[in-house]
């Protein structure tokens, strides 16, 4: 079974779900609060790593024998990174939902930009010119200026190349 590590926690990857995988923590947590904090941080990394999923779910067992799930779902909104729904459930009973998801949207946006730039880096100049108009690279440039610490020098060079090709400058 495949595993992934987010926030220093190893998770089993439960694959085969239509819109995204469920990650199950290999670690048992002492309390609901400890698990919630750790899973929220891991969820940020998971969303950034898999921005194209439509849903993300993390699950952890507590020492008390209870199971905590955090479920995040995308929605239709103003941006392709919009996330509309978050639920916290303990043993299947939801106790918190529909809170602010702006931070998750931020991580999804960064992950999506990084994913696109990794694909663009492998393309030839002509392919970039045919596949992209000026809108997307311009949006990415603004986001990169706002959050420069999120991007490597290689990603910045790829975006510069992309801008030169689609803006013909």
Protein backbone atom coordinates (compact mmCIF):
# COMPACT_ATOMS: atom_id res chain seq x y z
CA UNK A 1 0.00 0.00 0.00
CA UNK A 2 1.31 3.44 -0.93
CA UNK A 3 2.08 6.03 1.70
CA UNK A 4 2.58 9.79 1.71
CA UNK A 5 4.05 12.08 4.32
CA UNK A 6 2.46 15.43 5.13
CA UNK A 7 3.28 17.58 8.16
CA UNK A 8 5.73 14.87 9.22
CA UNK A 9 2.91 12.30 9.49
CA UNK A 10 2.88 9.15 7.42
CA UNK A 11 -0.47 8.34 5.79
CA UNK A 12 -1.71 5.24 3.99
CA UNK A 13 -3.21 6.20 0.63
CA UNK A 14 -6.66 4.70 0.13
CA UNK A 15 -6.98 4.99 -3.66
CA UNK A 16 -9.83 4.42 -6.01
CA UNK A 17 -12.21 7.15 -5.03
CA UNK A 18 -13.71 9.10 -7.92
CA UNK A 19 -12.64 12.61 -6.92
CA UNK A 20 -9.56 12.11 -4.70
CA UNK A 21 -7.82 9.75 -2.34
CA UNK A 22 -8.44 9.34 1.38
CA UNK A 23 -5.30 9.43 3.49
CA UNK A 24 -5.33 7.47 6.75
CA UNK A 25 -2.80 8.43 9.40
CA UNK A 26 -0.40 5.76 10.60
CA UNK A 27 -0.19 7.67 13.90
CA UNK A 28 -2.74 7.51 16.74
CA UNK A 29 -3.38 10.82 18.45
CA UNK A 30 -3.89 11.44 22.17
CA UNK A 31 -6.82 13.79 21.70
CA UNK A 32 -9.25 15.18 19.16
CA UNK A 33 -7.59 18.60 19.42
CA UNK A 34 -4.11 17.17 18.77
CA UNK A 35 -5.39 15.22 15.77
CA UNK A 36 -7.34 18.19 14.41
CA UNK A 37 -4.31 20.50 14.54
CA UNK A 38 -1.98 17.94 12.95
CA UNK A 39 -4.47 16.96 10.24
CA UNK A 40 -5.25 20.57 9.33
CA UNK A 41 -1.56 21.26 8.74
CA UNK A 42 -1.22 18.05 6.74
CA UNK A 43 -4.30 18.96 4.72
CA UNK A 44 -2.68 22.22 3.59
CA UNK A 45 0.26 20.24 2.20
CA UNK A 46 -2.00 17.60 0.65
CA UNK A 47 -4.09 20.24 -1.18
CA UNK A 48 -0.91 21.93 -2.41
CA UNK A 49 0.48 18.59 -3.60
CA UNK A 50 -2.75 17.47 -5.32
CA UNK A 51 -4.49 20.68 -6.48
CA UNK A 52 -6.48 18.99 -9.25
CA UNK A 53 -8.47 16.73 -6.93
CA UNK A 54 -12.09 17.65 -6.30
CA UNK A 55 -11.99 16.46 -2.70
CA UNK A 56 -9.42 15.69 -0.04
CA UNK A 57 -9.96 13.58 3.07
CA UNK A 58 -7.71 12.82 6.01
CA UNK A 59 -8.50 10.30 8.71
CA UNK A 60 -6.84 9.57 12.04
CA UNK A 61 -7.54 7.28 14.96
CA UNK A 62 -7.47 8.58 18.50
CA UNK A 63 -6.13 6.67 21.49
CA UNK A 64 -9.73 6.68 22.79
CA UNK A 65 -10.71 4.48 19.81
CA UNK A 66 -12.59 7.25 18.01
CA UNK A 67 -11.91 8.22 14.40
CA UNK A 68 -11.51 11.82 13.23
CA UNK A 69 -12.10 12.76 9.57
CA UNK A 70 -11.51 16.10 7.92
CA UNK A 71 -13.11 16.35 4.51
CA UNK A 72 -12.56 19.23 2.10
CA UNK A 73 -14.43 19.68 -1.19
CA UNK A 74 -14.02 22.10 -4.06
CA UNK A 75 -16.90 24.14 -5.36
CA UNK A 76 -17.93 26.42 -8.14
CA UNK A 77 -16.70 29.91 -7.45
CA UNK A 78 -14.86 32.92 -8.76
CA UNK A 79 -11.58 31.07 -9.34
CA UNK A 80 -10.55 27.55 -10.38
CA UNK A 81 -9.07 27.22 -6.89
CA UNK A 82 -12.32 27.84 -5.01
CA UNK A 83 -13.09 25.47 -2.14
CA UNK A 84 -16.56 25.62 -0.67
CA UNK A 85 -16.95 22.97 1.97
CA UNK A 86 -15.02 21.61 4.92
CA UNK A 87 -16.34 19.09 7.44
CA UNK A 88 -14.93 17.75 10.67
CA UNK A 89 -16.42 14.44 11.82
CA UNK A 90 -15.79 12.30 14.87
CA UNK A 91 -16.96 8.70 14.45
CA UNK A 92 -19.12 9.78 11.52
CA UNK A 93 -20.87 12.61 13.39
CA UNK A 94 -20.09 16.04 11.93
CA UNK A 95 -19.39 18.58 14.63
CA UNK A 96 -18.01 21.45 12.53
CA UNK A 97 -18.51 22.44 8.91
CA UNK A 98 -18.58 25.19 6.31
CA UNK A 99 -15.92 27.32 7.93
CA UNK A 100 -13.53 29.66 6.13
CA UNK A 101 -11.55 27.80 3.47
CA UNK A 102 -9.40 30.68 2.16
CA UNK A 103 -6.14 29.15 3.40
CA UNK A 104 -6.88 25.91 1.57
CA UNK A 105 -7.65 27.86 -1.60
CA UNK A 106 -4.25 29.55 -1.29
CA UNK A 107 -2.45 26.19 -1.07
CA UNK A 108 -4.50 24.79 -3.96
CA UNK A 109 -3.63 27.82 -6.11
CA UNK A 110 0.10 27.51 -5.36
CA UNK A 111 0.01 23.78 -6.07
CA UNK A 112 -1.84 24.27 -9.34
CA UNK A 113 0.62 26.92 -10.54
CA UNK A 114 3.60 24.71 -9.61
CA UNK A 115 2.01 21.73 -11.36
CA UNK A 116 1.36 23.73 -14.55
CA UNK A 117 4.87 25.22 -14.55
CA UNK A 118 6.40 21.74 -14.19
CA UNK A 119 4.48 20.65 -17.30
CA UNK A 120 5.35 23.84 -19.21
CA UNK A 121 9.06 23.37 -18.46
CA UNK A 122 8.98 20.18 -20.58
CA UNK A 123 7.32 21.85 -23.59
CA UNK A 124 9.01 23.32 -26.63
CA UNK A 125 8.51 27.01 -27.39
CA UNK A 126 6.00 26.39 -30.18
CA UNK A 127 3.91 24.14 -27.96
CA UNK A 128 3.71 26.84 -25.30
CA UNK A 129 2.65 29.45 -27.85
CA UNK A 130 -0.10 27.14 -29.18
CA UNK A 131 -1.40 25.97 -25.81
CA UNK A 132 -1.56 29.22 -23.85
CA UNK A 133 -2.93 32.69 -24.39
CA UNK A 134 -1.77 35.66 -22.32
CA UNK A 135 -4.36 35.33 -19.54
CA UNK A 136 -3.02 32.36 -17.55
CA UNK A 137 0.67 33.37 -17.52
CA UNK A 138 -0.33 36.90 -16.51
CA UNK A 139 -2.41 35.61 -13.58
CA UNK A 140 0.46 33.32 -12.57
CA UNK A 141 2.91 36.24 -12.71
CA UNK A 142 0.75 38.28 -10.34
CA UNK A 143 0.50 35.35 -7.91
CA UNK A 144 4.24 34.79 -8.14
CA UNK A 145 4.89 38.45 -7.32
CA UNK A 146 2.54 38.19 -4.32
CA UNK A 147 4.06 34.96 -3.00
CA UNK A 148 7.66 34.78 -4.29
CA UNK A 149 8.81 32.56 -1.42
CA UNK A 150 6.56 29.76 -2.67
CA UNK A 151 8.38 29.36 -5.98
CA UNK A 152 11.83 28.08 -6.91
CA UNK A 153 14.17 29.95 -9.23
CA UNK A 154 13.52 27.32 -11.89
CA UNK A 155 9.76 27.91 -11.67
CA UNK A 156 10.32 31.66 -11.95
CA UNK A 157 12.47 31.13 -15.06
CA UNK A 158 9.81 28.89 -16.60
CA UNK A 159 7.14 31.54 -16.07
CA UNK A 160 9.41 34.24 -17.53
CA UNK A 161 9.94 32.05 -20.62
CA UNK A 162 6.21 31.44 -20.86
CA UNK A 163 5.43 35.17 -20.61
CA UNK A 164 7.99 36.05 -23.30
CA UNK A 165 6.48 33.49 -25.67
CA UNK A 166 2.80 34.32 -25.21
CA UNK A 167 3.25 38.10 -24.98
CA UNK A 168 5.77 38.07 -27.85
CA UNK A 169 8.26 40.30 -26.06
